[in-house]
Amino acid sequence: MRREITAGKLSKILKEHKRRYENADVGEKADLSGADLRNANLYGADLIAADLSGADLEDANLSYADLTQVYNFCIKQLSEARTLYKAKLDPELKKQVKDEYPHLLEEEEEEEEE
């Protein structure tokens, strides 16, 4: 079952998570397990060691996001993202992405207006 998360709620979770990693005594680790993050703009998001188990990342923008040490994360989830351009990934995961979905690591082309 997917958890619906509004943009405002997601923003709050990400702020608390960032506080947690800047100062271990405050903030809360991001629990985005089972979250519906379809089409989410996670550009530059600090998701170090967040729980993304079962999160739906279909068409999510993860460019410049820090996804190192993320819990319960798999290549299948990443394959559904719109982009991983300049995202930070653990070495093994990055190798898998390069081997199986290299287009995700490329810069997105801007769509031309007619």
C-alpha atoms as a PDB file:
ATOM      1  CA  MET A   1       0.000   0.000   0.000  1.00  0.00           C
ATOM      2  CA  ARG A   2       1.378   3.390  -0.993  1.00  0.00           C
ATOM      3  CA  ARG A   3       1.495   6.249   1.447  1.00  0.00           C
ATOM      4  CA  GLU A   4       0.291   9.533  -0.012  1.00  0.00           C
ATOM      5  CA  ILE A   5       2.655  12.362   0.887  1.00  0.00           C
ATOM      6  CA  THR A   6       1.827  15.961   0.035  1.00  0.00           C
ATOM      7  CA  ALA A   7       4.543  18.317  -1.206  1.00  0.00           C
ATOM      8  CA  GLY A   8       4.349  20.194   2.111  1.00  0.00           C
ATOM      9  CA  LYS A   9       4.728  17.011   4.163  1.00  0.00           C
ATOM     10  CA  LEU A  10       7.641  15.871   1.978  1.00  0.00           C
ATOM     11  CA  SER A  11       9.353  19.224   2.450  1.00  0.00           C
ATOM     12  CA  LYS A  12       8.980  18.937   6.239  1.00  0.00           C
ATOM     13  CA  ILE A  13      10.340  15.361   6.255  1.00  0.00           C
ATOM     14  CA  LEU A  14      13.362  16.420   4.177  1.00  0.00           C
ATOM     15  CA  LYS A  15      14.086  19.421   6.431  1.00  0.00           C
ATOM     16  CA  GLU A  16      13.947  17.269   9.567  1.00  0.00           C
ATOM     17  CA  HIS A  17      16.161  14.658   7.910  1.00  0.00           C
ATOM     18  CA  LYS A  18      18.743  17.277   6.962  1.00  0.00           C
ATOM     19  CA  ARG A  19      18.742  18.643  10.526  1.00  0.00           C
ATOM     20  CA  ARG A  20      19.341  15.094  11.787  1.00  0.00           C
ATOM     21  CA  TYR A  21      22.490  14.711   9.704  1.00  0.00           C
ATOM     22  CA  GLU A  22      23.788  18.175  10.496  1.00  0.00           C
ATOM     23  CA  ASN A  23      23.303  17.621  14.237  1.00  0.00           C
ATOM     24  CA  ALA A  24      22.534  14.097  15.465  1.00  0.00           C
ATOM     25  CA  ASP A  25      20.707  15.419  18.532  1.00  0.00           C
ATOM     26  CA  VAL A  26      17.903  17.091  16.570  1.00  0.00           C
ATOM     27  CA  GLY A  27      15.686  16.235  13.646  1.00  0.00           C
ATOM     28  CA  GLU A  28      14.302  12.931  12.490  1.00  0.00           C
ATOM     29  CA  LYS A  29      15.567  10.400   9.946  1.00  0.00           C
ATOM     30  CA  ALA A  30      13.420  10.382   6.796  1.00  0.00           C
ATOM     31  CA  ASP A  31      11.053   7.433   6.665  1.00  0.00           C
ATOM     32  CA  LEU A  32       9.721   7.429   3.132  1.00  0.00           C
ATOM     33  CA  SER A  33       8.986   3.708   3.096  1.00  0.00           C
ATOM     34  CA  GLY A  34       6.038   2.944   0.854  1.00  0.00           C
ATOM     35  CA  ALA A  35       5.726   6.622  -0.087  1.00  0.00           C
ATOM     36  CA  ASP A  36       4.111   7.690  -3.319  1.00  0.00           C
ATOM     37  CA  LEU A  37       6.867   9.902  -4.739  1.00  0.00           C
ATOM     38  CA  ARG A  38       5.723   9.701  -8.350  1.00  0.00           C
ATOM     39  CA  ASN A  39       6.656  12.888 -10.210  1.00  0.00           C
ATOM     40  CA  ALA A  40       8.267  14.300  -7.054  1.00  0.00           C
ATOM     41  CA  ASN A  41      10.907  16.959  -7.496  1.00  0.00           C
ATOM     42  CA  LEU A  42      13.719  15.695  -5.271  1.00  0.00           C
ATOM     43  CA  TYR A  43      16.377  17.794  -7.019  1.00  0.00           C
ATOM     44  CA  GLY A  44      19.318  18.138  -4.647  1.00  0.00           C
ATOM     45  CA  ALA A  45      17.513  16.352  -1.812  1.00  0.00           C
ATOM     46  CA  ASP A  46      19.669  15.124   1.057  1.00  0.00           C
ATOM     47  CA  LEU A  47      18.454  11.550   1.506  1.00  0.00           C
ATOM     48  CA  ILE A  48      21.568  10.069   3.142  1.00  0.00           C
ATOM     49  CA  ALA A  49      20.531   6.920   5.029  1.00  0.00           C
ATOM     50  CA  ALA A  50      16.812   7.551   4.491  1.00  0.00           C
ATOM     51  CA  ASP A  51      14.394   4.609   4.380  1.00  0.00           C
ATOM     52  CA  LEU A  52      12.997   4.350   0.843  1.00  0.00           C
ATOM     53  CA  SER A  53      11.804   0.744   1.004  1.00  0.00           C
ATOM     54  CA  GLY A  54       8.897   0.285  -1.347  1.00  0.00           C
ATOM     55  CA  ALA A  55       8.797   3.964  -2.312  1.00  0.00           C
ATOM     56  CA  ASP A  56       7.383   4.643  -5.775  1.00  0.00           C
ATOM     57  CA  LEU A  57       9.872   6.870  -7.619  1.00  0.00           C
ATOM     58  CA  GLU A  58       8.220   6.770 -11.035  1.00  0.00           C
ATOM     59  CA  ASP A  59       9.181   9.921 -12.973  1.00  0.00           C
ATOM     60  CA  ALA A  60      10.808  11.468  -9.876  1.00  0.00           C
ATOM     61  CA  ASN A  61      13.552  14.016 -10.464  1.00  0.00           C
ATOM     62  CA  LEU A  62      16.521  12.800  -8.407  1.00  0.00           C
ATOM     63  CA  SER A  63      19.188  14.915 -10.087  1.00  0.00           C
ATOM     64  CA  TYR A  64      21.854  16.108  -7.633  1.00  0.00           C
ATOM     65  CA  ALA A  65      20.158  14.133  -4.810  1.00  0.00           C
ATOM     66  CA  ASP A  66      22.353  12.397  -2.243  1.00  0.00           C
ATOM     67  CA  LEU A  67      21.161   8.796  -2.096  1.00  0.00           C
ATOM     68  CA  THR A  68      24.164   7.310  -0.307  1.00  0.00           C
ATOM     69  CA  GLN A  69      23.563   4.751   2.433  1.00  0.00           C
ATOM     70  CA  VAL A  70      19.830   4.657   1.670  1.00  0.00           C
ATOM     71  CA  TYR A  71      18.037   1.763   3.394  1.00  0.00           C
ATOM     72  CA  ASN A  72      16.108  -0.956   1.567  1.00  0.00           C
ATOM     73  CA  PHE A  73      16.653   0.548  -1.854  1.00  0.00           C
ATOM     74  CA  CYS A  74      16.878  -1.353  -5.120  1.00  0.00           C
ATOM     75  CA  ILE A  75      17.816  -0.794  -8.731  1.00  0.00           C
ATOM     76  CA  LYS A  76      14.206  -1.435  -9.807  1.00  0.00           C
ATOM     77  CA  GLN A  77      13.048   1.630  -7.874  1.00  0.00           C
ATOM     78  CA  LEU A  78      15.775   3.764  -9.426  1.00  0.00           C
ATOM     79  CA  SER A  79      14.982   2.496 -12.917  1.00  0.00           C
ATOM     80  CA  GLU A  80      11.590   4.193 -12.719  1.00  0.00           C
ATOM     81  CA  ALA A  81      12.974   7.647 -11.875  1.00  0.00           C
ATOM     82  CA  ARG A  82      12.981  10.337 -14.538  1.00  0.00           C
ATOM     83  CA  THR A  83      16.619  11.272 -13.920  1.00  0.00           C
ATOM     84  CA  LEU A  84      19.581  10.558 -11.662  1.00  0.00           C
ATOM     85  CA  TYR A  85      21.803  13.172 -13.291  1.00  0.00           C
ATOM     86  CA  LYS A  86      24.672  14.040 -10.906  1.00  0.00           C
ATOM     87  CA  ALA A  87      22.985  12.107  -8.059  1.00  0.00           C
ATOM     88  CA  LYS A  88      25.273  10.655  -5.391  1.00  0.00           C
ATOM     89  CA  LEU A  89      24.903   6.886  -5.169  1.00  0.00           C
ATOM     90  CA  ASP A  90      26.778   4.158  -3.345  1.00  0.00           C
ATOM     91  CA  PRO A  91      29.427   2.667  -5.687  1.00  0.00           C
ATOM     92  CA  GLU A  92      27.700  -0.699  -6.239  1.00  0.00           C
ATOM     93  CA  LEU A  93      24.353   0.922  -6.999  1.00  0.00           C
ATOM     94  CA  LYS A  94      25.979   3.458  -9.324  1.00  0.00           C
ATOM     95  CA  LYS A  95      27.681   0.617 -11.218  1.00  0.00           C
ATOM     96  CA  GLN A  96      24.336  -1.152 -11.636  1.00  0.00           C
ATOM     97  CA  VAL A  97      22.717   2.024 -12.929  1.00  0.00           C
ATOM     98  CA  LYS A  98      25.597   2.635 -15.361  1.00  0.00           C
ATOM     99  CA  ASP A  99      25.344  -0.946 -16.631  1.00  0.00           C
ATOM    100  CA  GLU A 100      21.560  -1.241 -16.859  1.00  0.00           C
ATOM    101  CA  TYR A 101      20.115   2.286 -17.124  1.00  0.00           C
ATOM    102  CA  PRO A 102      22.907   4.623 -18.286  1.00  0.00           C
ATOM    103  CA  HIS A 103      20.397   7.126 -19.714  1.00  0.00           C
ATOM    104  CA  LEU A 104      19.326   8.006 -16.166  1.00  0.00           C
ATOM    105  CA  LEU A 105      22.773   9.459 -15.459  1.00  0.00           C
ATOM    106  CA  GLU A 106      22.679  11.761 -18.461  1.00  0.00           C
ATOM    107  CA  GLU A 107      21.539  15.353 -18.404  1.00  0.00           C
ATOM    108  CA  GLU A 108      17.927  15.720 -19.454  1.00  0.00           C
ATOM    109  CA  GLU A 109      17.346  17.452 -22.729  1.00  0.00           C
ATOM    110  CA  GLU A 110      15.057  20.448 -22.528  1.00  0.00           C
ATOM    111  CA  GLU A 111      11.870  20.025 -24.471  1.00  0.00           C
ATOM    112  CA  GLU A 112      11.469  22.536 -27.243  1.00  0.00           C
ATOM    113  CA  GLU A 113       8.349  24.669 -27.229  1.00  0.00           C
ATOM    114  CA  GLU A 114       6.403  24.786 -30.454  1.00  0.00           C
END
